[in-house]
N, C-alpha and C. Protein backbone atom coordinates (compact mmCIF):
# COMPACT_ATOMS: atom_id res chain seq x y z
N MET A 1 -6.92 19.63 13.38
CA MET A 1 -5.57 19.08 13.25
C MET A 1 -4.65 20.19 12.75
N THR A 2 -3.48 20.30 13.36
CA THR A 2 -2.54 21.35 13.00
C THR A 2 -1.70 20.97 11.79
N LEU A 3 -1.02 21.96 11.22
CA LEU A 3 -0.15 21.74 10.07
C LEU A 3 0.92 20.70 10.40
N ILE A 4 1.55 20.84 11.54
CA ILE A 4 2.63 19.91 11.90
C ILE A 4 2.09 18.50 12.13
N SER A 5 0.93 18.38 12.77
CA SER A 5 0.40 17.03 13.02
C SER A 5 -0.06 16.38 11.72
N ARG A 6 -0.64 17.16 10.83
CA ARG A 6 -1.08 16.60 9.55
C ARG A 6 0.13 16.19 8.71
N THR A 7 1.19 16.98 8.75
CA THR A 7 2.41 16.66 8.01
C THR A 7 3.03 15.38 8.57
N LYS A 8 3.08 15.26 9.89
CA LYS A 8 3.61 14.04 10.52
C LYS A 8 2.79 12.82 10.11
N GLU A 9 1.47 12.98 10.13
CA GLU A 9 0.58 11.87 9.82
C GLU A 9 0.80 11.36 8.39
N ILE A 10 0.84 12.26 7.42
CA ILE A 10 0.99 11.83 6.03
C ILE A 10 2.41 11.32 5.77
N ALA A 11 3.41 11.90 6.45
CA ALA A 11 4.79 11.40 6.31
C ALA A 11 4.86 9.96 6.81
N LYS A 12 4.25 9.70 7.96
CA LYS A 12 4.25 8.34 8.51
C LYS A 12 3.55 7.37 7.56
N LEU A 13 2.43 7.83 6.98
CA LEU A 13 1.70 7.02 6.01
C LEU A 13 2.58 6.67 4.81
N ARG A 14 3.46 7.59 4.43
CA ARG A 14 4.36 7.38 3.28
C ARG A 14 5.65 6.67 3.69
N GLY A 15 5.78 6.34 4.98
CA GLY A 15 6.97 5.63 5.45
C GLY A 15 8.18 6.52 5.59
N LEU A 16 7.95 7.81 5.86
CA LEU A 16 9.03 8.78 5.97
C LEU A 16 9.00 9.47 7.32
N SER A 17 10.17 9.86 7.79
CA SER A 17 10.24 10.70 8.99
C SER A 17 10.14 12.15 8.54
N LEU A 18 9.89 13.06 9.47
CA LEU A 18 9.86 14.48 9.11
C LEU A 18 11.23 14.94 8.61
N ASP A 19 12.30 14.39 9.17
CA ASP A 19 13.64 14.72 8.68
C ASP A 19 13.80 14.30 7.22
N ASP A 20 13.33 13.08 6.88
CA ASP A 20 13.41 12.59 5.51
C ASP A 20 12.65 13.51 4.56
N VAL A 21 11.45 13.89 4.97
CA VAL A 21 10.62 14.76 4.13
C VAL A 21 11.31 16.08 3.90
N ALA A 22 11.84 16.67 4.97
CA ALA A 22 12.51 17.96 4.85
C ALA A 22 13.70 17.88 3.90
N ILE A 23 14.50 16.86 4.04
CA ILE A 23 15.69 16.71 3.19
C ILE A 23 15.28 16.51 1.73
N LYS A 24 14.27 15.66 1.47
CA LYS A 24 13.79 15.45 0.10
C LYS A 24 13.23 16.75 -0.49
N ALA A 25 12.71 17.62 0.38
CA ALA A 25 12.15 18.89 -0.09
C ALA A 25 13.22 19.97 -0.22
N GLY A 26 14.46 19.62 0.12
CA GLY A 26 15.55 20.59 0.00
C GLY A 26 15.63 21.55 1.18
N LEU A 27 15.09 21.13 2.31
CA LEU A 27 15.10 21.95 3.52
C LEU A 27 16.07 21.34 4.53
N SER A 28 16.37 22.09 5.59
CA SER A 28 17.21 21.50 6.64
C SER A 28 16.40 20.43 7.36
N ALA A 29 17.11 19.45 7.88
CA ALA A 29 16.46 18.26 8.44
C ALA A 29 15.40 18.56 9.49
N LYS A 30 15.63 19.52 10.34
CA LYS A 30 14.71 19.79 11.45
C LYS A 30 13.74 20.93 11.16
N SER A 31 13.75 21.47 9.96
CA SER A 31 12.96 22.67 9.67
C SER A 31 11.46 22.49 9.85
N ILE A 32 10.93 21.33 9.53
CA ILE A 32 9.47 21.13 9.64
C ILE A 32 9.03 21.19 11.11
N TYR A 33 9.90 20.78 12.03
CA TYR A 33 9.55 20.83 13.44
C TYR A 33 9.25 22.27 13.90
N ASN A 34 9.85 23.25 13.23
CA ASN A 34 9.62 24.66 13.57
C ASN A 34 8.24 25.14 13.15
N TRP A 35 7.55 24.38 12.31
CA TRP A 35 6.23 24.78 11.83
C TRP A 35 5.20 24.81 12.97
N GLY A 36 5.52 24.21 14.08
CA GLY A 36 4.63 24.28 15.23
C GLY A 36 4.62 25.67 15.87
N ARG A 37 5.72 26.41 15.68
CA ARG A 37 5.85 27.75 16.26
C ARG A 37 5.72 28.85 15.21
N ASN A 38 6.27 28.59 14.02
CA ASN A 38 6.29 29.60 12.95
C ASN A 38 5.66 29.04 11.69
N SER A 39 4.93 29.87 10.97
CA SER A 39 4.34 29.43 9.70
C SER A 39 5.46 29.29 8.66
N PRO A 40 5.38 28.24 7.84
CA PRO A 40 6.42 28.05 6.81
C PRO A 40 6.23 29.03 5.66
N LYS A 41 7.32 29.27 4.94
CA LYS A 41 7.22 30.04 3.70
C LYS A 41 6.39 29.21 2.72
N SER A 42 5.65 29.88 1.87
CA SER A 42 4.77 29.16 0.94
C SER A 42 5.56 28.23 0.03
N GLU A 43 6.76 28.63 -0.39
CA GLU A 43 7.55 27.76 -1.27
C GLU A 43 8.00 26.49 -0.53
N ASN A 44 8.28 26.60 0.75
CA ASN A 44 8.66 25.42 1.54
C ASN A 44 7.48 24.49 1.75
N LEU A 45 6.32 25.08 1.98
CA LEU A 45 5.10 24.28 2.12
C LEU A 45 4.81 23.55 0.81
N ASP A 46 4.98 24.24 -0.32
CA ASP A 46 4.79 23.61 -1.64
C ASP A 46 5.73 22.43 -1.83
N ARG A 47 6.99 22.62 -1.46
CA ARG A 47 7.98 21.55 -1.64
C ARG A 47 7.61 20.32 -0.80
N VAL A 48 7.22 20.55 0.43
CA VAL A 48 6.85 19.43 1.31
C VAL A 48 5.60 18.73 0.77
N ALA A 49 4.63 19.51 0.33
CA ALA A 49 3.41 18.92 -0.25
C ALA A 49 3.76 18.06 -1.46
N ASP A 50 4.69 18.52 -2.29
CA ASP A 50 5.12 17.74 -3.45
C ASP A 50 5.76 16.43 -3.03
N VAL A 51 6.62 16.48 -2.04
CA VAL A 51 7.28 15.26 -1.55
C VAL A 51 6.25 14.26 -1.02
N LEU A 52 5.24 14.77 -0.35
CA LEU A 52 4.22 13.90 0.26
C LEU A 52 3.08 13.57 -0.69
N HIS A 53 3.09 14.18 -1.88
CA HIS A 53 2.06 13.92 -2.89
C HIS A 53 0.66 14.30 -2.40
N VAL A 54 0.60 15.45 -1.76
CA VAL A 54 -0.68 16.00 -1.30
C VAL A 54 -0.73 17.48 -1.68
N SER A 55 -1.90 18.06 -1.55
CA SER A 55 -2.02 19.50 -1.82
C SER A 55 -1.62 20.29 -0.58
N THR A 56 -1.24 21.54 -0.78
CA THR A 56 -0.95 22.40 0.35
C THR A 56 -2.22 22.63 1.18
N ASP A 57 -3.36 22.67 0.51
CA ASP A 57 -4.62 22.82 1.24
C ASP A 57 -4.86 21.65 2.19
N TYR A 58 -4.47 20.45 1.78
CA TYR A 58 -4.61 19.30 2.66
C TYR A 58 -3.72 19.47 3.90
N LEU A 59 -2.45 19.85 3.68
CA LEU A 59 -1.55 20.03 4.81
C LEU A 59 -2.04 21.12 5.75
N LEU A 60 -2.62 22.17 5.20
CA LEU A 60 -3.11 23.28 6.01
C LEU A 60 -4.45 22.99 6.68
N GLY A 61 -5.06 21.85 6.35
CA GLY A 61 -6.32 21.47 6.96
C GLY A 61 -7.53 22.13 6.33
N ARG A 62 -7.35 22.70 5.14
CA ARG A 62 -8.47 23.35 4.45
C ARG A 62 -9.37 22.34 3.76
N THR A 63 -8.85 21.14 3.52
CA THR A 63 -9.62 20.07 2.89
C THR A 63 -9.14 18.74 3.44
N ASP A 64 -10.00 17.74 3.38
CA ASP A 64 -9.61 16.39 3.78
C ASP A 64 -9.27 15.54 2.56
N GLU A 65 -9.33 16.14 1.39
CA GLU A 65 -8.98 15.44 0.16
C GLU A 65 -7.50 15.67 -0.13
N MET A 66 -6.73 14.59 -0.10
CA MET A 66 -5.28 14.71 -0.26
C MET A 66 -4.87 15.29 -1.61
N ASN A 67 -5.49 14.81 -2.64
CA ASN A 67 -5.15 15.21 -4.00
C ASN A 67 -6.40 15.54 -4.79
N PRO A 68 -6.86 16.77 -4.71
CA PRO A 68 -8.06 17.10 -5.49
C PRO A 68 -7.81 16.82 -6.96
N SER A 69 -8.76 16.15 -7.58
CA SER A 69 -8.56 15.81 -8.99
C SER A 69 -9.22 16.84 -9.88
N SER A 70 -8.61 16.99 -11.02
CA SER A 70 -9.12 17.92 -12.02
C SER A 70 -8.71 17.39 -13.38
N THR A 71 -9.55 17.56 -14.35
CA THR A 71 -9.18 17.09 -15.69
C THR A 71 -8.03 17.91 -16.25
N ASP A 72 -7.84 19.12 -15.74
CA ASP A 72 -6.70 19.94 -16.16
C ASP A 72 -5.40 19.46 -15.55
N ASN A 73 -5.50 18.61 -14.55
CA ASN A 73 -4.34 18.20 -13.77
C ASN A 73 -3.90 16.77 -14.07
N VAL A 74 -4.35 16.18 -15.18
CA VAL A 74 -4.00 14.81 -15.53
C VAL A 74 -2.53 14.78 -15.97
N PRO A 75 -1.71 13.94 -15.32
CA PRO A 75 -0.29 13.91 -15.66
C PRO A 75 -0.05 13.33 -17.05
N THR A 76 0.90 13.91 -17.74
CA THR A 76 1.30 13.40 -19.05
C THR A 76 2.42 12.39 -18.87
N GLU A 77 2.80 11.73 -19.97
CA GLU A 77 3.91 10.78 -19.90
C GLU A 77 5.19 11.48 -19.47
N VAL A 78 5.39 12.72 -19.93
CA VAL A 78 6.57 13.49 -19.56
C VAL A 78 6.56 13.76 -18.07
N ASP A 79 5.39 14.11 -17.51
CA ASP A 79 5.28 14.35 -16.07
C ASP A 79 5.61 13.09 -15.28
N ILE A 80 5.11 11.97 -15.74
CA ILE A 80 5.34 10.71 -15.04
C ILE A 80 6.82 10.35 -15.08
N LYS A 81 7.42 10.50 -16.26
CA LYS A 81 8.84 10.21 -16.41
C LYS A 81 9.67 11.12 -15.50
N LYS A 82 9.34 12.39 -15.48
CA LYS A 82 10.06 13.36 -14.65
C LYS A 82 9.91 13.01 -13.17
N ALA A 83 8.72 12.63 -12.76
CA ALA A 83 8.48 12.27 -11.37
C ALA A 83 9.31 11.06 -10.96
N ILE A 84 9.38 10.06 -11.82
CA ILE A 84 10.17 8.86 -11.53
C ILE A 84 11.64 9.22 -11.43
N GLU A 85 12.11 10.05 -12.37
CA GLU A 85 13.52 10.45 -12.37
C GLU A 85 13.87 11.26 -11.13
N GLN A 86 12.90 11.97 -10.55
CA GLN A 86 13.14 12.78 -9.36
C GLN A 86 12.95 11.97 -8.08
N ASP A 87 12.86 10.67 -8.23
CA ASP A 87 12.79 9.75 -7.09
C ASP A 87 11.50 9.90 -6.29
N ILE A 88 10.39 10.14 -6.99
CA ILE A 88 9.09 10.16 -6.34
C ILE A 88 8.76 8.72 -5.95
N MET A 89 8.24 8.54 -4.76
CA MET A 89 7.93 7.19 -4.30
C MET A 89 6.76 6.61 -5.10
N LEU A 90 6.99 5.47 -5.71
CA LEU A 90 5.94 4.76 -6.44
C LEU A 90 5.63 3.46 -5.71
N ALA A 91 4.37 3.09 -5.75
CA ALA A 91 3.99 1.85 -5.10
C ALA A 91 2.90 1.17 -5.92
N PHE A 92 2.84 -0.14 -5.80
CA PHE A 92 1.78 -0.92 -6.40
C PHE A 92 1.32 -1.92 -5.35
N ASP A 93 0.04 -1.96 -5.14
CA ASP A 93 -0.54 -2.89 -4.17
C ASP A 93 0.08 -2.70 -2.79
N GLY A 94 0.41 -1.44 -2.46
CA GLY A 94 0.95 -1.11 -1.15
C GLY A 94 2.42 -1.39 -0.96
N LYS A 95 3.10 -1.83 -2.02
CA LYS A 95 4.53 -2.14 -1.90
C LYS A 95 5.31 -1.23 -2.84
N PRO A 96 6.48 -0.73 -2.38
CA PRO A 96 7.28 0.16 -3.23
C PRO A 96 7.73 -0.54 -4.51
N ILE A 97 7.81 0.22 -5.58
CA ILE A 97 8.31 -0.30 -6.86
C ILE A 97 9.83 -0.14 -6.86
N SER A 98 10.53 -1.19 -7.23
CA SER A 98 12.00 -1.18 -7.21
C SER A 98 12.55 -0.27 -8.30
N ASP A 99 13.83 0.10 -8.12
CA ASP A 99 14.51 0.93 -9.12
C ASP A 99 14.53 0.24 -10.49
N LYS A 100 14.68 -1.07 -10.48
CA LYS A 100 14.69 -1.83 -11.73
C LYS A 100 13.39 -1.59 -12.52
N TYR A 101 12.25 -1.68 -11.83
CA TYR A 101 10.97 -1.49 -12.51
C TYR A 101 10.72 -0.03 -12.86
N LYS A 102 11.27 0.88 -12.07
CA LYS A 102 11.17 2.30 -12.42
C LYS A 102 11.88 2.56 -13.75
N ARG A 103 13.07 1.96 -13.92
CA ARG A 103 13.82 2.12 -15.18
C ARG A 103 13.02 1.54 -16.35
N ILE A 104 12.38 0.41 -16.13
CA ILE A 104 11.56 -0.21 -17.18
C ILE A 104 10.40 0.71 -17.55
N ILE A 105 9.75 1.31 -16.57
CA ILE A 105 8.65 2.23 -16.84
C ILE A 105 9.15 3.41 -17.67
N ILE A 106 10.31 3.96 -17.29
CA ILE A 106 10.88 5.09 -18.04
C ILE A 106 11.17 4.68 -19.48
N GLU A 107 11.74 3.49 -19.67
CA GLU A 107 12.02 3.00 -21.02
C GLU A 107 10.74 2.87 -21.84
N LEU A 108 9.70 2.32 -21.22
CA LEU A 108 8.42 2.18 -21.93
C LEU A 108 7.84 3.52 -22.30
N LEU A 109 7.93 4.48 -21.41
CA LEU A 109 7.42 5.82 -21.72
C LEU A 109 8.26 6.49 -22.80
N SER A 110 9.55 6.22 -22.82
CA SER A 110 10.43 6.79 -23.85
C SER A 110 10.11 6.23 -25.23
N GLU A 111 9.70 4.95 -25.27
CA GLU A 111 9.32 4.33 -26.53
C GLU A 111 8.09 5.02 -27.11
N GLU A 112 7.21 5.53 -26.25
CA GLU A 112 6.01 6.25 -26.70
C GLU A 112 6.39 7.53 -27.42
N ASP A 113 7.53 8.16 -27.02
CA ASP A 113 7.95 9.42 -27.61
C ASP A 113 8.48 9.23 -29.03
N GLU A 114 8.92 8.02 -29.35
CA GLU A 114 9.55 7.77 -30.66
C GLU A 114 8.54 7.63 -31.76
């Protein structure tokens, strides 16, 4: 599977078009389509992987594990709060979490800091 096909597949799984992914990653809307002809810059690949919540190795086809886990990589409350504030897609039971509930989660995490 190629980089572009794997990116399309995971974007579709996340309910996003390639244009949506590119824009969320801070790239031009059609930039990912060029990955079929030209290799992306590593920083652009990182950004897209972050938007799709997968590793760059997954996108490159080096692994079939979307998010390799590591005890060093366990997110903290600050990481979770930051991710929510940056509009990372959250879901529960396969359904997106509303902005209202995202705000509640942020408030609960903020109470932990006090």
